[in-house]
PDB file of N, CA and C in Angstrom:
ATOM      1  N   MET A   1      -0.228 -12.353  -9.749  1.00  0.00           N
ATOM      2  CA  MET A   1      -1.271 -12.686  -8.852  1.00  0.00           C
ATOM      3  C   MET A   1      -1.279 -11.999  -7.308  1.00  0.00           C
ATOM      4  N   VAL A   2      -3.056 -11.875  -7.484  1.00  0.00           N
ATOM      5  CA  VAL A   2      -3.612 -11.423  -5.747  1.00  0.00           C
ATOM      6  C   VAL A   2      -4.384 -12.151  -5.343  1.00  0.00           C
ATOM      7  N   ILE A   3      -3.660 -12.752  -3.942  1.00  0.00           N
ATOM      8  CA  ILE A   3      -4.043 -13.838  -3.515  1.00  0.00           C
ATOM      9  C   ILE A   3      -4.909 -13.077  -1.699  1.00  0.00           C
ATOM     10  N   ARG A   4      -5.695 -13.581  -1.320  1.00  0.00           N
ATOM     11  CA  ARG A   4      -6.739 -12.588  -0.870  1.00  0.00           C
ATOM     12  C   ARG A   4      -7.914 -13.909   1.208  1.00  0.00           C
ATOM     13  N   GLN A   5      -7.402 -13.773   1.620  1.00  0.00           N
ATOM     14  CA  GLN A   5      -8.561 -14.507   2.820  1.00  0.00           C
ATOM     15  C   GLN A   5      -9.129 -13.627   3.190  1.00  0.00           C
ATOM     16  N   LEU A   6     -10.425 -14.443   2.972  1.00  0.00           N
ATOM     17  CA  LEU A   6     -12.096 -14.362   3.247  1.00  0.00           C
ATOM     18  C   LEU A   6     -12.133 -14.744   4.196  1.00  0.00           C
ATOM     19  N   LYS A   7     -13.277 -13.690   5.161  1.00  0.00           N
ATOM     20  CA  LYS A   7     -14.388 -14.631   5.790  1.00  0.00           C
ATOM     21  C   LYS A   7     -14.696 -16.255   4.898  1.00  0.00           C
ATOM     22  N   GLU A   8     -15.474 -16.858   6.032  1.00  0.00           N
ATOM     23  CA  GLU A   8     -15.659 -18.081   5.595  1.00  0.00           C
ATOM     24  C   GLU A   8     -17.482 -17.569   4.697  1.00  0.00           C
ATOM     25  N   LYS A   9     -18.209 -17.556   5.949  1.00  0.00           N
ATOM     26  CA  LYS A   9     -19.235 -16.406   4.353  1.00  0.00           C
ATOM     27  C   LYS A   9     -18.735 -16.198   3.056  1.00  0.00           C
ATOM     28  N   GLN A  10     -17.782 -15.102   2.763  1.00  0.00           N
ATOM     29  CA  GLN A  10     -18.043 -13.622   1.947  1.00  0.00           C
ATOM     30  C   GLN A  10     -17.320 -15.189   1.048  1.00  0.00           C
ATOM     31  N   PHE A  11     -16.423 -15.704   1.722  1.00  0.00           N
ATOM     32  CA  PHE A  11     -15.994 -17.451   0.635  1.00  0.00           C
ATOM     33  C   PHE A  11     -16.971 -18.100   0.369  1.00  0.00           C
ATOM     34  N   GLU A  12     -17.751 -18.263   0.852  1.00  0.00           N
ATOM     35  CA  GLU A  12     -19.277 -19.322   0.282  1.00  0.00           C
ATOM     36  C   GLU A  12     -19.568 -19.103  -0.991  1.00  0.00           C
ATOM     37  N   SER A  13     -20.466 -17.201  -0.167  1.00  0.00           N
ATOM     38  CA  SER A  13     -20.897 -16.319  -0.776  1.00  0.00           C
ATOM     39  C   SER A  13     -20.301 -15.976  -3.404  1.00  0.00           C
ATOM     40  N   LEU A  14     -18.912 -16.193  -2.087  1.00  0.00           N
ATOM     41  CA  LEU A  14     -18.447 -15.545  -4.391  1.00  0.00           C
ATOM     42  C   LEU A  14     -17.736 -16.679  -5.233  1.00  0.00           C
ATOM     43  N   CYS A  15     -17.735 -18.205  -4.355  1.00  0.00           N
ATOM     44  CA  CYS A  15     -17.560 -19.323  -5.275  1.00  0.00           C
ATOM     45  C   CYS A  15     -18.769 -20.242  -5.609  1.00  0.00           C
ATOM     46  N   ASN A  16     -20.110 -19.707  -5.209  1.00  0.00           N
ATOM     47  CA  ASN A  16     -20.853 -19.696  -4.913  1.00  0.00           C
ATOM     48  C   ASN A  16     -21.639 -19.180  -6.308  1.00  0.00           C
ATOM     49  N   SER A  17     -21.362 -17.403  -6.710  1.00  0.00           N
ATOM     50  CA  SER A  17     -21.991 -16.669  -7.213  1.00  0.00           C
ATOM     51  C   SER A  17     -20.780 -16.888  -8.389  1.00  0.00           C
ATOM     52  N   LEU A  18     -19.557 -17.724  -8.431  1.00  0.00           N
ATOM     53  CA  LEU A  18     -18.617 -18.076  -9.534  1.00  0.00           C
ATOM     54  C   LEU A  18     -18.958 -19.136 -10.224  1.00  0.00           C
ATOM     55  N   ARG A  19     -19.579 -20.047  -9.899  1.00  0.00           N
ATOM     56  CA  ARG A  19     -20.287 -21.492 -10.641  1.00  0.00           C
ATOM     57  C   ARG A  19     -21.423 -21.490 -10.405  1.00  0.00           C
ATOM     58  N   MET A  20     -22.048 -20.182 -10.127  1.00  0.00           N
ATOM     59  CA  MET A  20     -23.686 -19.924 -11.096  1.00  0.00           C
ATOM     60  C   MET A  20     -23.662 -18.692 -12.736  1.00  0.00           C
ATOM     61  N   LYS A  21     -22.656 -17.578 -12.175  1.00  0.00           N
ATOM     62  CA  LYS A  21     -22.783 -16.984 -12.788  1.00  0.00           C
ATOM     63  C   LYS A  21     -21.538 -16.780 -14.067  1.00  0.00           C
ATOM     64  N   ALA A  22     -20.736 -16.886 -13.346  1.00  0.00           N
ATOM     65  CA  ALA A  22     -19.167 -17.331 -14.314  1.00  0.00           C
ATOM     66  C   ALA A  22     -19.076 -17.876 -14.988  1.00  0.00           C
ATOM     67  N   HIS A  23     -17.797 -17.872 -16.009  1.00  0.00           N
ATOM     68  CA  HIS A  23     -17.330 -18.842 -17.818  1.00  0.00           C
ATOM     69  C   HIS A  23     -16.172 -18.996 -16.820  1.00  0.00           C
ATOM     70  N   ALA A  24     -16.302 -20.747 -16.909  1.00  0.00           N
ATOM     71  CA  ALA A  24     -14.947 -22.678 -16.565  1.00  0.00           C
ATOM     72  C   ALA A  24     -14.878 -22.723 -17.561  1.00  0.00           C
ATOM     73  N   GLU A  25     -13.432 -22.795 -17.592  1.00  0.00           N
ATOM     74  CA  GLU A  25     -13.509 -23.784 -19.265  1.00  0.00           C
ATOM     75  C   GLU A  25     -13.436 -25.567 -18.182  1.00  0.00           C
ATOM     76  N   PRO A  26     -13.890 -26.244 -19.502  1.00  0.00           N
ATOM     77  CA  PRO A  26     -13.705 -28.477 -18.812  1.00  0.00           C
ATOM     78  C   PRO A  26     -11.791 -27.981 -18.052  1.00  0.00           C
ATOM     79  N   LEU A  27     -12.183 -28.929 -16.998  1.00  0.00           N
ATOM     80  CA  LEU A  27     -11.023 -29.531 -16.497  1.00  0.00           C
ATOM     81  C   LEU A  27     -10.388 -28.312 -15.224  1.00  0.00           C
ATOM     82  N   GLU A  28     -10.118 -27.432 -15.216  1.00  0.00           N
ATOM     83  CA  GLU A  28      -9.817 -25.718 -15.095  1.00  0.00           C
ATOM     84  C   GLU A  28     -10.263 -25.398 -14.316  1.00  0.00           C
ATOM     85  N   ALA A  29      -9.568 -24.658 -12.679  1.00  0.00           N
ATOM     86  CA  ALA A  29      -9.478 -24.722 -12.074  1.00  0.00           C
ATOM     87  C   ALA A  29     -10.056 -22.762 -11.596  1.00  0.00           C
ATOM     88  N   SER A  30     -10.212 -22.709 -12.475  1.00  0.00           N
ATOM     89  CA  SER A  30      -9.866 -20.709 -12.312  1.00  0.00           C
ATOM     90  C   SER A  30     -11.122 -20.514 -13.257  1.00  0.00           C
ATOM     91  N   TYR A  31     -12.309 -19.425 -12.669  1.00  0.00           N
ATOM     92  CA  TYR A  31     -12.724 -18.707 -13.696  1.00  0.00           C
ATOM     93  C   TYR A  31     -12.777 -17.339 -14.142  1.00  0.00           C
ATOM     94  N   THR A  32     -13.749 -16.992 -14.995  1.00  0.00           N
ATOM     95  CA  THR A  32     -13.147 -14.896 -16.117  1.00  0.00           C
ATOM     96  C   THR A  32     -15.526 -14.671 -15.785  1.00  0.00           C
ATOM     97  N   VAL A  33     -14.310 -14.063 -15.079  1.00  0.00           N
ATOM     98  CA  VAL A  33     -16.002 -13.562 -14.469  1.00  0.00           C
ATOM     99  C   VAL A  33     -15.190 -11.786 -15.631  1.00  0.00           C
ATOM    100  N   ASN A  34     -16.868 -11.409 -15.560  1.00  0.00           N
ATOM    101  CA  ASN A  34     -16.638 -10.399 -16.481  1.00  0.00           C
ATOM    102  C   ASN A  34     -17.171  -8.953 -16.197  1.00  0.00           C
ATOM    103  N   LEU A  35     -16.307  -8.856 -16.006  1.00  0.00           N
ATOM    104  CA  LEU A  35     -18.182  -6.766 -15.554  1.00  0.00           C
ATOM    105  C   LEU A  35     -17.733  -5.569 -16.158  1.00  0.00           C
ATOM    106  N   LYS A  36     -18.019  -5.009 -16.245  1.00  0.00           N
ATOM    107  CA  LYS A  36     -18.071  -3.549 -15.894  1.00  0.00           C
ATOM    108  C   LYS A  36     -17.903  -2.748 -15.480  1.00  0.00           C
ATOM    109  N   ILE A  37     -17.187  -1.573 -15.592  1.00  0.00           N
ATOM    110  CA  ILE A  37     -16.784  -0.775 -14.045  1.00  0.00           C
ATOM    111  C   ILE A  37     -16.394   0.841 -15.366  1.00  0.00           C
ATOM    112  N   ASN A  38     -17.835   1.697 -15.124  1.00  0.00           N
ATOM    113  CA  ASN A  38     -17.489   3.023 -15.394  1.00  0.00           C
ATOM    114  C   ASN A  38     -17.751   2.966 -16.938  1.00  0.00           C
ATOM    115  N   GLY A  39     -17.928   1.894 -17.460  1.00  0.00           N
ATOM    116  CA  GLY A  39     -18.034   2.205 -19.303  1.00  0.00           C
ATOM    117  C   GLY A  39     -16.692   1.123 -19.879  1.00  0.00           C
ATOM    118  N   ALA A  40     -16.069   0.768 -18.911  1.00  0.00           N
ATOM    119  CA  ALA A  40     -14.551  -0.189 -19.323  1.00  0.00           C
ATOM    120  C   ALA A  40     -14.960  -1.624 -18.066  1.00  0.00           C
ATOM    121  N   GLU A  41     -14.574  -2.082 -19.169  1.00  0.00           N
ATOM    122  CA  GLU A  41     -14.494  -3.530 -19.550  1.00  0.00           C
ATOM    123  C   GLU A  41     -13.791  -5.123 -19.072  1.00  0.00           C
ATOM    124  N   TYR A  42     -13.891  -5.559 -18.214  1.00  0.00           N
ATOM    125  CA  TYR A  42     -12.602  -6.624 -17.782  1.00  0.00           C
ATOM    126  C   TYR A  42     -13.202  -7.807 -17.956  1.00  0.00           C
ATOM    127  N   ALA A  43     -12.305  -8.621 -17.874  1.00  0.00           N
ATOM    128  CA  ALA A  43     -12.107 -10.070 -18.137  1.00  0.00           C
ATOM    129  C   ALA A  43     -11.317 -10.646 -16.702  1.00  0.00           C
ATOM    130  N   VAL A  44     -11.750 -10.813 -15.993  1.00  0.00           N
ATOM    131  CA  VAL A  44     -10.893 -11.181 -14.426  1.00  0.00           C
ATOM    132  C   VAL A  44     -11.579 -12.903 -14.457  1.00  0.00           C
ATOM    133  N   LYS A  45      -9.829 -12.930 -14.447  1.00  0.00           N
ATOM    134  CA  LYS A  45      -9.998 -14.319 -14.341  1.00  0.00           C
ATOM    135  C   LYS A  45      -9.809 -15.253 -12.012  1.00  0.00           C
ATOM    136  N   VAL A  46     -10.001 -15.267 -11.917  1.00  0.00           N
ATOM    137  CA  VAL A  46      -9.872 -15.055 -10.828  1.00  0.00           C
ATOM    138  C   VAL A  46     -10.818 -17.688  -9.869  1.00  0.00           C
ATOM    139  N   GLN A  47      -9.203 -17.407  -9.193  1.00  0.00           N
ATOM    140  CA  GLN A  47      -9.185 -19.288  -8.815  1.00  0.00           C
ATOM    141  C   GLN A  47      -9.586 -19.186  -6.855  1.00  0.00           C
ATOM    142  N   PRO A  48     -10.465 -20.477  -6.459  1.00  0.00           N
ATOM    143  CA  PRO A  48     -10.684 -20.160  -5.265  1.00  0.00           C
ATOM    144  C   PRO A  48      -9.547 -20.763  -5.191  1.00  0.00           C
ATOM    145  N   GLU A  49      -9.233 -20.734  -3.580  1.00  0.00           N
ATOM    146  CA  GLU A  49      -7.821 -22.128  -3.082  1.00  0.00           C
ATOM    147  C   GLU A  49      -8.680 -22.307  -1.137  1.00  0.00           C
ATOM    148  N   ARG A  50      -7.421 -22.277  -0.971  1.00  0.00           N
ATOM    149  CA  ARG A  50      -8.001 -23.460   0.059  1.00  0.00           C
ATOM    150  C   ARG A  50      -7.820 -22.914   1.457  1.00  0.00           C
ATOM    151  N   HIS A  51      -7.908 -23.033   2.307  1.00  0.00           N
ATOM    152  CA  HIS A  51      -8.273 -21.872   3.476  1.00  0.00           C
ATOM    153  C   HIS A  51      -8.965 -20.590   3.169  1.00  0.00           C
ATOM    154  N   ASN A  52     -10.104 -21.031   2.575  1.00  0.00           N
ATOM    155  CA  ASN A  52     -11.083 -19.013   2.551  1.00  0.00           C
ATOM    156  C   ASN A  52     -10.627 -18.587   1.814  1.00  0.00           C
ATOM    157  N   LYS A  53      -9.429 -18.709   0.459  1.00  0.00           N
ATOM    158  CA  LYS A  53      -8.515 -17.868  -0.357  1.00  0.00           C
ATOM    159  C   LYS A  53      -8.681 -18.000  -1.008  1.00  0.00           C
ATOM    160  N   MET A  54      -8.973 -16.711  -1.706  1.00  0.00           N
ATOM    161  CA  MET A  54      -9.217 -16.124  -3.482  1.00  0.00           C
ATOM    162  C   MET A  54      -8.291 -16.217  -3.976  1.00  0.00           C
ATOM    163  N   ALA A  55      -7.517 -15.640  -5.209  1.00  0.00           N
ATOM    164  CA  ALA A  55      -7.506 -15.877  -6.158  1.00  0.00           C
ATOM    165  C   ALA A  55      -6.995 -14.793  -7.523  1.00  0.00           C
ATOM    166  N   VAL A  56      -6.640 -14.369  -7.322  1.00  0.00           N
ATOM    167  CA  VAL A  56      -6.777 -13.623  -9.088  1.00  0.00           C
ATOM    168  C   VAL A  56      -5.391 -13.417  -9.301  1.00  0.00           C
ATOM    169  N   LEU A  57      -5.700 -14.457 -10.899  1.00  0.00           N
ATOM    170  CA  LEU A  57      -4.639 -14.296 -11.683  1.00  0.00           C
ATOM    171  C   LEU A  57      -4.358 -13.190 -12.469  1.00  0.00           C
ATOM    172  N   GLN A  58      -4.777 -13.448 -13.069  1.00  0.00           N
ATOM    173  CA  GLN A  58      -4.703 -11.570 -13.943  1.00  0.00           C
ATOM    174  C   GLN A  58      -6.179 -11.140 -15.099  1.00  0.00           C
ATOM    175  N   ALA A  59      -5.699  -9.750 -14.998  1.00  0.00           N
ATOM    176  CA  ALA A  59      -7.946  -9.164 -15.442  1.00  0.00           C
ATOM    177  C   ALA A  59      -7.107  -8.579 -16.699  1.00  0.00           C
ATOM    178  N   LEU A  60      -7.831  -8.659 -18.344  1.00  0.00           N
ATOM    179  CA  LEU A  60      -7.815  -7.860 -19.291  1.00  0.00           C
ATOM    180  C   LEU A  60      -8.782  -7.134 -19.368  1.00  0.00           C
ATOM    181  N   ARG A  61      -7.847  -5.409 -19.651  1.00  0.00           N
ATOM    182  CA  ARG A  61      -9.188  -4.640 -19.197  1.00  0.00           C
ATOM    183  C   ARG A  61      -9.458  -4.753 -21.152  1.00  0.00           C
ATOM    184  N   VAL A  62     -11.050  -4.948 -21.789  1.00  0.00           N
ATOM    185  CA  VAL A  62     -10.637  -4.964 -23.697  1.00  0.00           C
ATOM    186  C   VAL A  62     -11.067  -3.234 -23.931  1.00  0.00           C
ATOM    187  N   TYR A  63     -11.008  -3.156 -24.509  1.00  0.00           N
ATOM    188  CA  TYR A  63     -11.385  -1.827 -25.741  1.00  0.00           C
ATOM    189  C   TYR A  63     -12.158  -2.081 -26.938  1.00  0.00           C
ATOM    190  N   ARG A  64     -13.310  -1.684 -27.656  1.00  0.00           N
ATOM    191  CA  ARG A  64     -14.006  -1.919 -28.046  1.00  0.00           C
ATOM    192  C   ARG A  64     -14.262  -0.856 -29.161  1.00  0.00           C
ATOM    193  N   ASN A  65     -13.793  -1.199 -30.276  1.00  0.00           N
ATOM    194  CA  ASN A  65     -13.254  -0.435 -31.374  1.00  0.00           C
ATOM    195  C   ASN A  65     -14.221  -0.308 -32.881  1.00  0.00           C
ATOM    196  N   GLU A  66     -14.106   0.335 -33.586  1.00  0.00           N
ATOM    197  CA  GLU A  66     -15.059  -0.595 -35.307  1.00  0.00           C
ATOM    198  C   GLU A  66     -14.545  -1.313 -35.281  1.00  0.00           C
ATOM    199  N   TYR A  67     -12.783  -1.993 -35.120  1.00  0.00           N
ATOM    200  CA  TYR A  67     -12.247  -3.077 -36.367  1.00  0.00           C
ATOM    201  C   TYR A  67     -12.219  -4.026 -35.252  1.00  0.00           C
ATOM    202  N   GLY A  68     -12.450  -4.383 -33.542  1.00  0.00           N
ATOM    203  CA  GLY A  68     -12.258  -4.714 -33.437  1.00  0.00           C
ATOM    204  C   GLY A  68     -12.499  -5.256 -32.234  1.00  0.00           C
ATOM    205  N   PRO A  69     -12.443  -6.171 -31.152  1.00  0.00           N
ATOM    206  CA  PRO A  69     -12.388  -5.399 -29.691  1.00  0.00           C
ATOM    207  C   PRO A  69     -10.385  -5.569 -29.769  1.00  0.00           C
ATOM    208  N   ASP A  70     -10.165  -4.464 -28.605  1.00  0.00           N
ATOM    209  CA  ASP A  70      -8.002  -4.780 -28.174  1.00  0.00           C
ATOM    210  C   ASP A  70      -8.017  -4.589 -26.936  1.00  0.00           C
ATOM    211  N   TYR A  71      -7.363  -5.944 -25.741  1.00  0.00           N
ATOM    212  CA  TYR A  71      -6.401  -6.435 -25.385  1.00  0.00           C
ATOM    213  C   TYR A  71      -5.665  -5.650 -23.917  1.00  0.00           C
ATOM    214  N   GLU A  72      -5.494  -5.361 -23.141  1.00  0.00           N
ATOM    215  CA  GLU A  72      -4.637  -4.704 -22.311  1.00  0.00           C
ATOM    216  C   GLU A  72      -4.562  -6.139 -21.083  1.00  0.00           C
ATOM    217  N   LEU A  73      -2.941  -6.611 -21.043  1.00  0.00           N
ATOM    218  CA  LEU A  73      -3.681  -7.595 -19.932  1.00  0.00           C
ATOM    219  C   LEU A  73      -2.713  -7.047 -18.901  1.00  0.00           C
ATOM    220  N   ILE A  74      -3.469  -7.114 -17.781  1.00  0.00           N
ATOM    221  CA  ILE A  74      -2.975  -6.444 -16.637  1.00  0.00           C
ATOM    222  C   ILE A  74      -2.791  -7.192 -15.278  1.00  0.00           C
ATOM    223  N   THR A  75      -1.437  -6.973 -14.936  1.00  0.00           N
ATOM    224  CA  THR A  75      -0.377  -8.064 -14.108  1.00  0.00           C
ATOM    225  C   THR A  75      -0.333  -7.520 -12.451  1.00  0.00           C
ATOM    226  N   THR A  76      -0.840  -6.194 -12.578  1.00  0.00           N
ATOM    227  CA  THR A  76       0.064  -4.926 -11.693  1.00  0.00           C
ATOM    228  C   THR A  76      -1.629  -5.357 -10.331  1.00  0.00           C
ATOM    229  N   GLY A  77      -0.974  -5.637  -8.879  1.00  0.00           N
ATOM    230  CA  GLY A  77      -1.099  -5.769  -7.992  1.00  0.00           C
ATOM    231  C   GLY A  77      -1.867  -4.922  -6.892  1.00  0.00           C
ATOM    232  N   LYS A  78      -1.850  -3.408  -7.190  1.00  0.00           N
ATOM    233  CA  LYS A  78      -3.261  -3.188  -7.118  1.00  0.00           C
ATOM    234  C   LYS A  78      -4.407  -3.065  -7.630  1.00  0.00           C
ATOM    235  N   VAL A  79      -3.958  -3.239  -9.524  1.00  0.00           N
ATOM    236  CA  VAL A  79      -5.376  -3.340 -10.291  1.00  0.00           C
ATOM    237  C   VAL A  79      -5.923  -4.711  -9.700  1.00  0.00           C
ATOM    238  N   LEU A  80      -5.529  -5.584  -9.329  1.00  0.00           N
ATOM    239  CA  LEU A  80      -6.175  -6.611  -9.337  1.00  0.00           C
ATOM    240  C   LEU A  80      -6.509  -6.775  -7.940  1.00  0.00           C
ATOM    241  N   SER A  81      -6.224  -6.136  -7.135  1.00  0.00           N
ATOM    242  CA  SER A  81      -6.405  -5.917  -6.165  1.00  0.00           C
ATOM    243  C   SER A  81      -7.853  -5.480  -5.493  1.00  0.00           C
ATOM    244  N   SER A  82      -8.100  -4.351  -7.071  1.00  0.00           N
ATOM    245  CA  SER A  82      -9.638  -3.561  -5.885  1.00  0.00           C
ATOM    246  C   SER A  82     -10.252  -4.357  -7.617  1.00  0.00           C
ATOM    247  N   LEU A  83      -9.874  -4.980  -9.039  1.00  0.00           N
ATOM    248  CA  LEU A  83     -10.824  -5.568  -9.119  1.00  0.00           C
ATOM    249  C   LEU A  83     -11.655  -7.267  -7.516  1.00  0.00           C
ATOM    250  N   LEU A  84      -9.899  -7.578  -7.254  1.00  0.00           N
ATOM    251  CA  LEU A  84     -11.267  -8.971  -6.440  1.00  0.00           C
ATOM    252  C   LEU A  84     -12.365  -8.186  -5.339  1.00  0.00           C
ATOM    253  N   GLU A  85     -11.836  -6.304  -4.857  1.00  0.00           N
ATOM    254  CA  GLU A  85     -12.678  -5.767  -3.890  1.00  0.00           C
ATOM    255  C   GLU A  85     -14.534  -5.863  -4.435  1.00  0.00           C
ATOM    256  N   ILE A  86     -13.816  -5.585  -5.512  1.00  0.00           N
ATOM    257  CA  ILE A  86     -15.248  -4.949  -6.076  1.00  0.00           C
ATOM    258  C   ILE A  86     -16.254  -6.692  -5.966  1.00  0.00           C
ATOM    259  N   LEU A  87     -15.763  -7.740  -6.679  1.00  0.00           N
ATOM    260  CA  LEU A  87     -16.152  -8.700  -7.334  1.00  0.00           C
ATOM    261  C   LEU A  87     -16.576  -9.324  -5.160  1.00  0.00           C
ATOM    262  N   ILE A  88     -15.909  -9.372  -3.738  1.00  0.00           N
ATOM    263  CA  ILE A  88     -16.716  -9.933  -3.154  1.00  0.00           C
ATOM    264  C   ILE A  88     -17.117  -8.800  -2.678  1.00  0.00           C
ATOM    265  N   PHE A  89     -18.023  -7.442  -2.922  1.00  0.00           N
ATOM    266  CA  PHE A  89     -19.061  -6.902  -2.935  1.00  0.00           C
ATOM    267  C   PHE A  89     -20.209  -7.127  -3.409  1.00  0.00           C
ATOM    268  N   GLN A  90     -19.852  -7.237  -5.026  1.00  0.00           N
ATOM    269  CA  GLN A  90     -21.176  -6.907  -5.125  1.00  0.00           C
ATOM    270  C   GLN A  90     -21.202  -8.545  -5.765  1.00  0.00           C
ATOM    271  N   GLY A  91     -20.196  -9.888  -5.754  1.00  0.00           N
ATOM    272  CA  GLY A  91     -20.185 -10.254  -6.406  1.00  0.00           C
ATOM    273  C   GLY A  91     -20.025 -10.585  -7.955  1.00  0.00           C
ATOM    274  N   VAL A  92     -20.266 -11.725  -8.768  1.00  0.00           N
ATOM    275  CA  VAL A  92     -20.477 -11.874  -9.731  1.00  0.00           C
ATOM    276  C   VAL A  92     -21.981 -11.559 -10.587  1.00  0.00           C
ATOM    277  N   VAL A  93     -21.788 -10.176 -11.087  1.00  0.00           N
ATOM    278  CA  VAL A  93     -23.213 -10.552 -11.317  1.00  0.00           C
ATOM    279  C   VAL A  93     -23.840 -10.888 -13.047  1.00  0.00           C
TER     280      VAL A  93
END
């Protein structure tokens, strides 16, 4: 898990984008965001925290093949931090 302190406007913008475009299960505080980066697919689980902080809990890298998808669980801090930076920079698309 990686937690980052954001500026208020960044935090509000990202939260609004998450509410409008990300997937959230009922009664859960986290959102799942699907990202495609250079042909790779990721399902990133993020959670807004108090005091303008955003947490990236985990990510899945999705490998599509002819027999169905395979998944790789990502919990490495550097990779999670990079995925969070991408979400902050471009929002949830």
